[in-house]
Amino acid sequence: DLRQVFEHLYRFRDASNVLVEAGPTLTGSLLDADLVDEALVYVAPLLLGDEQALAPAVGHAAPRIADARRFQLVRASRLGPDAVLRYRRERNAT
């Protein structure tokens, strides 16, 4: 249970912030457990993949756009040729 792992880190390791670099399965699990407060998205000027390329997150899909998890862009910057986008979770969006 991911929530128990995070609670353990908080209680016994005094970790109130955890940085997770994840693929689509873990990202989806973190979203499903409502454990994502911020997301850093790196965008490179490259196109990779084909019809079998994975989505950024797998798991829960909102049945309607109104039910989707919402994030607000709080910062955009460049890192060499890449863009770094910082999003913060909107918890009370309606």
C-alpha atoms as a PDB file:
ATOM      1  CA  ASP A   1       0.000   0.000   0.000  1.00  0.00           C
ATOM      2  CA  LEU A   2       1.632   3.230  -1.167  1.00  0.00           C
ATOM      3  CA  ARG A   3      -0.144   5.337   1.435  1.00  0.00           C
ATOM      4  CA  GLN A   4       1.387   3.186   4.208  1.00  0.00           C
ATOM      5  CA  VAL A   5       4.839   3.583   2.654  1.00  0.00           C
ATOM      6  CA  PHE A   6       4.476   7.361   2.638  1.00  0.00           C
ATOM      7  CA  GLU A   7       3.115   7.383   6.196  1.00  0.00           C
ATOM      8  CA  HIS A   8       6.114   5.289   7.302  1.00  0.00           C
ATOM      9  CA  LEU A   9       8.520   7.719   5.632  1.00  0.00           C
ATOM     10  CA  TYR A  10       6.831  10.614   7.400  1.00  0.00           C
ATOM     11  CA  ARG A  11       6.705   8.986  10.852  1.00  0.00           C
ATOM     12  CA  PHE A  12      10.047   7.240  10.989  1.00  0.00           C
ATOM     13  CA  ARG A  13      12.228   9.177   8.544  1.00  0.00           C
ATOM     14  CA  ASP A  14      10.762  12.676   9.011  1.00  0.00           C
ATOM     15  CA  ALA A  15      10.189  12.869   5.247  1.00  0.00           C
ATOM     16  CA  SER A  16       7.381  15.292   4.513  1.00  0.00           C
ATOM     17  CA  ASN A  17       8.344  15.591   0.833  1.00  0.00           C
ATOM     18  CA  VAL A  18       9.142  12.662  -1.430  1.00  0.00           C
ATOM     19  CA  LEU A  19      10.451  13.006  -4.972  1.00  0.00           C
ATOM     20  CA  VAL A  20       9.451  10.067  -7.152  1.00  0.00           C
ATOM     21  CA  GLU A  21      10.795   9.522 -10.647  1.00  0.00           C
ATOM     22  CA  ALA A  22       8.386   7.023 -12.104  1.00  0.00           C
ATOM     23  CA  GLY A  23       7.109   5.336 -15.186  1.00  0.00           C
ATOM     24  CA  PRO A  24       3.440   5.137 -16.147  1.00  0.00           C
ATOM     25  CA  THR A  25       2.465   2.288 -13.801  1.00  0.00           C
ATOM     26  CA  LEU A  26       3.830   3.830 -10.593  1.00  0.00           C
ATOM     27  CA  THR A  27       2.616   7.285 -11.656  1.00  0.00           C
ATOM     28  CA  GLY A  28      -0.881   5.879 -12.150  1.00  0.00           C
ATOM     29  CA  SER A  29      -0.764   4.133  -8.775  1.00  0.00           C
ATOM     30  CA  LEU A  30       0.336   7.351  -7.033  1.00  0.00           C
ATOM     31  CA  LEU A  31      -2.488   9.259  -8.728  1.00  0.00           C
ATOM     32  CA  ASP A  32      -5.010   6.551  -7.816  1.00  0.00           C
ATOM     33  CA  ALA A  33      -3.878   6.751  -4.170  1.00  0.00           C
ATOM     34  CA  ASP A  34      -4.223  10.566  -4.287  1.00  0.00           C
ATOM     35  CA  LEU A  35      -0.555  10.988  -3.312  1.00  0.00           C
ATOM     36  CA  VAL A  36       0.501  13.515  -5.962  1.00  0.00           C
ATOM     37  CA  ASP A  37       0.643  17.167  -4.902  1.00  0.00           C
ATOM     38  CA  GLU A  38       3.026  18.399  -7.591  1.00  0.00           C
ATOM     39  CA  ALA A  39       4.264  17.138 -10.926  1.00  0.00           C
ATOM     40  CA  LEU A  40       7.433  18.108 -12.752  1.00  0.00           C
ATOM     41  CA  VAL A  41       7.094  17.408 -16.452  1.00  0.00           C
ATOM     42  CA  TYR A  42      10.147  17.508 -18.682  1.00  0.00           C
ATOM     43  CA  VAL A  43       9.497  18.045 -22.388  1.00  0.00           C
ATOM     44  CA  ALA A  44      12.311  17.399 -24.844  1.00  0.00           C
ATOM     45  CA  PRO A  45      12.304  18.440 -28.503  1.00  0.00           C
ATOM     46  CA  LEU A  46      12.219  14.791 -29.588  1.00  0.00           C
ATOM     47  CA  LEU A  47       9.464  12.531 -30.851  1.00  0.00           C
ATOM     48  CA  LEU A  48       9.827   8.896 -29.827  1.00  0.00           C
ATOM     49  CA  GLY A  49       7.525   5.921 -29.786  1.00  0.00           C
ATOM     50  CA  ASP A  50       4.942   4.297 -31.935  1.00  0.00           C
ATOM     51  CA  GLU A  51       1.406   2.970 -31.519  1.00  0.00           C
ATOM     52  CA  GLN A  52       2.619   0.862 -28.571  1.00  0.00           C
ATOM     53  CA  ALA A  53       4.165   3.774 -26.660  1.00  0.00           C
ATOM     54  CA  LEU A  54       2.908   4.036 -23.078  1.00  0.00           C
ATOM     55  CA  ALA A  55       0.887   6.907 -21.691  1.00  0.00           C
ATOM     56  CA  PRO A  56       2.456   9.057 -18.924  1.00  0.00           C
ATOM     57  CA  ALA A  57       0.168   7.349 -16.385  1.00  0.00           C
ATOM     58  CA  VAL A  58      -1.909   4.187 -16.475  1.00  0.00           C
ATOM     59  CA  GLY A  59      -4.723   3.240 -14.133  1.00  0.00           C
ATOM     60  CA  HIS A  60      -7.785   5.237 -13.186  1.00  0.00           C
ATOM     61  CA  ALA A  61      -9.335   7.094 -16.086  1.00  0.00           C
ATOM     62  CA  ALA A  62     -11.881   9.804 -15.377  1.00  0.00           C
ATOM     63  CA  PRO A  63     -15.204   8.909 -17.012  1.00  0.00           C
ATOM     64  CA  ARG A  64     -15.820  12.594 -17.800  1.00  0.00           C
ATOM     65  CA  ILE A  65     -13.543  15.601 -18.251  1.00  0.00           C
ATOM     66  CA  ALA A  66     -15.269  17.200 -15.255  1.00  0.00           C
ATOM     67  CA  ASP A  67     -14.026  14.261 -13.127  1.00  0.00           C
ATOM     68  CA  ALA A  68     -10.375  14.566 -14.191  1.00  0.00           C
ATOM     69  CA  ARG A  69      -7.675  15.454 -11.697  1.00  0.00           C
ATOM     70  CA  ARG A  70      -6.742  19.076 -12.167  1.00  0.00           C
ATOM     71  CA  PHE A  71      -3.308  20.641 -11.966  1.00  0.00           C
ATOM     72  CA  GLN A  72      -2.292  24.276 -12.304  1.00  0.00           C
ATOM     73  CA  LEU A  73       0.884  25.313 -14.095  1.00  0.00           C
ATOM     74  CA  VAL A  74       2.923  27.250 -11.523  1.00  0.00           C
ATOM     75  CA  ARG A  75       6.248  27.514 -13.336  1.00  0.00           C
ATOM     76  CA  ALA A  76       7.734  26.945 -16.762  1.00  0.00           C
ATOM     77  CA  SER A  77      11.468  27.120 -17.387  1.00  0.00           C
ATOM     78  CA  ARG A  78      14.115  25.903 -19.779  1.00  0.00           C
ATOM     79  CA  LEU A  79      16.841  23.400 -19.078  1.00  0.00           C
ATOM     80  CA  GLY A  80      19.067  23.461 -22.137  1.00  0.00           C
ATOM     81  CA  PRO A  81      16.831  22.565 -25.075  1.00  0.00           C
ATOM     82  CA  ASP A  82      14.154  21.068 -22.786  1.00  0.00           C
ATOM     83  CA  ALA A  83      11.164  22.657 -21.073  1.00  0.00           C
ATOM     84  CA  VAL A  84      10.487  21.979 -17.394  1.00  0.00           C
ATOM     85  CA  LEU A  85       6.866  22.437 -16.317  1.00  0.00           C
ATOM     86  CA  ARG A  86       5.893  22.459 -12.637  1.00  0.00           C
ATOM     87  CA  TYR A  87       2.237  21.721 -11.913  1.00  0.00           C
ATOM     88  CA  ARG A  88       0.496  21.872  -8.542  1.00  0.00           C
ATOM     89  CA  ARG A  89      -2.593  19.805  -7.760  1.00  0.00           C
ATOM     90  CA  GLU A  90      -5.856  21.725  -7.473  1.00  0.00           C
ATOM     91  CA  ARG A  91      -7.613  20.017  -4.587  1.00  0.00           C
ATOM     92  CA  ASN A  92     -10.821  22.084  -4.458  1.00  0.00           C
ATOM     93  CA  ALA A  93     -11.527  22.481  -8.162  1.00  0.00           C
ATOM     94  CA  THR A  94     -15.160  22.158  -9.158  1.00  0.00           C
END
